[in-house]
Amino acid sequence: MKRPGFTLIETVLALALAGFLVYAGAVSFKQMVPKFRLQTGVWEIGSALNQARFAAIWKGVPMRVRFAPSGYVLESYDDKAGTWRATRSARCEGLEVRANNTPTFYPGGTVSDLATIYVSNSRGSYKITIAITGRIKTVKVG
């Protein structure tokens, strides 16, 4: 008389197959992490530039974004002290950030020190440009 159910060999094979599928999924997900880091970093830097522009308009003080190889610092100008004060900073994990200038936004919404910012990692590169009117444009370059 045959009993219903699975044999030990069938169970072990099913678990081995399930383990292999989980491993394959984890490897493919790990390869996607740099892509998402790049997209997140570009979005975050674009947001910081927009925040600096709108804060300059709203508060009536110059704002600038200083870039470092691994992130940026958002600064506002303190008229009384005559210095720049950091208001926010962020690191962009797994990314290289290069800028040819430090854009300064003014209360009229315009910018001096036009800048081109490159954000890149192993999955590609984006170029963020800032026009004199304060408009921010992002383009994938590689």
Foldseek 3Di string as FASTA:
>chain_A
DDDDDDDPVVVVVVVVVVVVVVVVVVVVVVVCVLVVLLVVQVVVVVVLLVVQLVCQQVVQWKWKWADDQFWIFIWTADPVVRDIDTDDIDGRPQKTKDKPFIWIHHNQSFIPTWMWMWIDHPVFIKIWTADRNGDIDIDTDD
